[in-house]
C-alpha atoms as a PDB file:
ATOM      1  CA  MET A   1      -8.301   9.648  -9.599  1.00  0.00           C
ATOM      2  CA  SER A   2      -8.505   6.725 -11.988  1.00  0.00           C
ATOM      3  CA  GLU A   3      -9.339   3.139 -11.100  1.00  0.00           C
ATOM      4  CA  THR A   4      -7.630   1.344  -8.230  1.00  0.00           C
ATOM      5  CA  ILE A   5      -4.277  -0.270  -8.962  1.00  0.00           C
ATOM      6  CA  ASP A   6      -4.124  -3.735  -7.352  1.00  0.00           C
ATOM      7  CA  VAL A   7      -0.903  -4.616  -5.547  1.00  0.00           C
ATOM      8  CA  PRO A   8      -0.770  -8.421  -5.134  1.00  0.00           C
ATOM      9  CA  ILE A   9       0.793  -9.799  -1.945  1.00  0.00           C
ATOM     10  CA  ARG A  10       1.337 -13.271  -0.516  1.00  0.00           C
ATOM     11  CA  GLU A  11      -0.329 -12.748   2.863  1.00  0.00           C
ATOM     12  CA  GLY A  12      -3.539 -11.213   4.157  1.00  0.00           C
ATOM     13  CA  ALA A  13      -2.147  -7.796   5.113  1.00  0.00           C
ATOM     14  CA  ILE A  14       0.843  -5.561   4.485  1.00  0.00           C
ATOM     15  CA  ARG A  15       2.290  -2.526   6.236  1.00  0.00           C
ATOM     16  CA  LEU A  16       1.610   0.796   4.548  1.00  0.00           C
ATOM     17  CA  GLY A  17       5.280   1.573   3.880  1.00  0.00           C
ATOM     18  CA  GLN A  18       5.772  -1.854   2.308  1.00  0.00           C
ATOM     19  CA  LEU A  19       2.743  -1.381   0.066  1.00  0.00           C
ATOM     20  CA  LEU A  20       4.135   1.911  -1.248  1.00  0.00           C
ATOM     21  CA  LYS A  21       7.469   0.228  -2.022  1.00  0.00           C
ATOM     22  CA  LEU A  22       5.853  -2.838  -3.612  1.00  0.00           C
ATOM     23  CA  ALA A  23       3.640  -0.608  -5.770  1.00  0.00           C
ATOM     24  CA  GLY A  24       6.796   1.114  -7.004  1.00  0.00           C
ATOM     25  CA  VAL A  25       5.773   4.612  -5.928  1.00  0.00           C
ATOM     26  CA  VAL A  26       8.715   5.012  -3.515  1.00  0.00           C
ATOM     27  CA  ASP A  27      12.168   3.458  -3.730  1.00  0.00           C
ATOM     28  CA  THR A  28      13.001   3.001  -0.044  1.00  0.00           C
ATOM     29  CA  GLY A  29      11.454   2.707   3.380  1.00  0.00           C
ATOM     30  CA  VAL A  30      13.017   6.055   4.275  1.00  0.00           C
ATOM     31  CA  ILE A  31      11.131   7.762   1.447  1.00  0.00           C
ATOM     32  CA  ALA A  32       7.934   5.919   2.425  1.00  0.00           C
ATOM     33  CA  ARG A  33       8.323   7.170   6.001  1.00  0.00           C
ATOM     34  CA  GLU A  34       8.837  10.742   4.769  1.00  0.00           C
ATOM     35  CA  VAL A  35       5.807  10.897   2.450  1.00  0.00           C
ATOM     36  CA  ILE A  36       3.611   9.293   5.115  1.00  0.00           C
ATOM     37  CA  ALA A  37       4.879  11.677   7.837  1.00  0.00           C
ATOM     38  CA  GLU A  38       4.313  14.672   5.526  1.00  0.00           C
ATOM     39  CA  GLY A  39       0.622  13.766   5.283  1.00  0.00           C
ATOM     40  CA  LEU A  40       0.717  12.800   1.619  1.00  0.00           C
ATOM     41  CA  VAL A  41      -0.895   9.366   2.087  1.00  0.00           C
ATOM     42  CA  ARG A  42      -4.506   8.520   2.858  1.00  0.00           C
ATOM     43  CA  VAL A  43      -6.116   5.179   3.650  1.00  0.00           C
ATOM     44  CA  ASP A  44      -9.795   4.923   2.750  1.00  0.00           C
ATOM     45  CA  GLY A  45      -9.842   8.712   2.426  1.00  0.00           C
ATOM     46  CA  GLU A  46      -8.434   9.331   5.925  1.00  0.00           C
ATOM     47  CA  LEU A  47      -4.985  10.775   6.612  1.00  0.00           C
ATOM     48  CA  GLU A  48      -2.589   8.023   7.783  1.00  0.00           C
ATOM     49  CA  THR A  49       0.715   8.939   9.443  1.00  0.00           C
ATOM     50  CA  ARG A  50       1.818   5.476  10.612  1.00  0.00           C
ATOM     51  CA  ARG A  51       4.212   3.729   8.240  1.00  0.00           C
ATOM     52  CA  GLY A  52       3.395   0.418   9.964  1.00  0.00           C
ATOM     53  CA  ALA A  53      -0.386   0.725   9.597  1.00  0.00           C
ATOM     54  CA  GLN A  54      -1.781  -2.625   8.420  1.00  0.00           C
ATOM     55  CA  ILE A  55      -3.484  -2.514   5.017  1.00  0.00           C
ATOM     56  CA  ARG A  56      -5.909  -5.341   4.299  1.00  0.00           C
ATOM     57  CA  PRO A  57      -7.851  -6.434   1.204  1.00  0.00           C
ATOM     58  CA  GLY A  58     -10.669  -3.999   0.523  1.00  0.00           C
ATOM     59  CA  GLN A  59      -8.809  -0.969   1.871  1.00  0.00           C
ATOM     60  CA  ARG A  60      -7.663   1.741  -0.529  1.00  0.00           C
ATOM     61  CA  VAL A  61      -4.466   3.790  -0.280  1.00  0.00           C
ATOM     62  CA  GLN A  62      -4.359   7.157  -2.021  1.00  0.00           C
ATOM     63  CA  PHE A  63      -1.016   8.755  -2.903  1.00  0.00           C
ATOM     64  CA  SER A  64       0.072  11.229  -5.581  1.00  0.00           C
ATOM     65  CA  GLY A  65      -3.238  11.169  -7.461  1.00  0.00           C
ATOM     66  CA  GLU A  66      -3.428   7.374  -7.666  1.00  0.00           C
ATOM     67  CA  GLU A  67      -5.295   4.771  -5.637  1.00  0.00           C
ATOM     68  CA  TYR A  68      -3.783   1.430  -4.630  1.00  0.00           C
ATOM     69  CA  GLY A  69      -5.356  -1.593  -2.992  1.00  0.00           C
ATOM     70  CA  LEU A  70      -4.955  -5.263  -2.273  1.00  0.00           C
ATOM     71  CA  PRO A  71      -6.909  -7.730  -4.384  1.00  0.00           C
ATOM     72  CA  GLU A  72      -9.626  -9.551  -2.464  1.00  0.00           C
ATOM     73  CA  ALA A  73      -8.013 -12.924  -3.262  1.00  0.00           C
ATOM     74  CA  VAL A  74      -4.554 -13.251  -1.730  1.00  0.00           C
ATOM     75  CA  LEU A  75      -1.970 -14.999  -3.874  1.00  0.00           C
ATOM     76  CA  ASN A  76      -0.870 -18.416  -2.688  1.00  0.00           C
ATOM     77  CA  VAL A  77       2.735 -18.372  -3.877  1.00  0.00           C
ATOM     78  CA  THR A  78       5.310 -20.881  -2.677  1.00  0.00           C
ATOM     79  CA  ALA A  79       9.071 -21.026  -3.101  1.00  0.00           C
ATOM     80  CA  ALA A  80       8.610 -23.703  -5.779  1.00  0.00           C
ATOM     81  CA  ASP A  81       6.614 -21.322  -8.015  1.00  0.00           C
END
């Protein structure tokens, strides 16, 4: 595995299925649910089968040979940006 790919979000946590979609590794929530249910996704090295598992800054998600995480500093983006 190479270095962790940061996936910036606006809030402090994100559901696992949403993180996979936002990172661009799956196209839909249905596909996210399938890859998670098939045991293809790990969080901090542990198998995770809950699409709604909360991922927080500092945690690492492993899928398809890559590692994804949330940056420690959460973006403060408003509608005016």
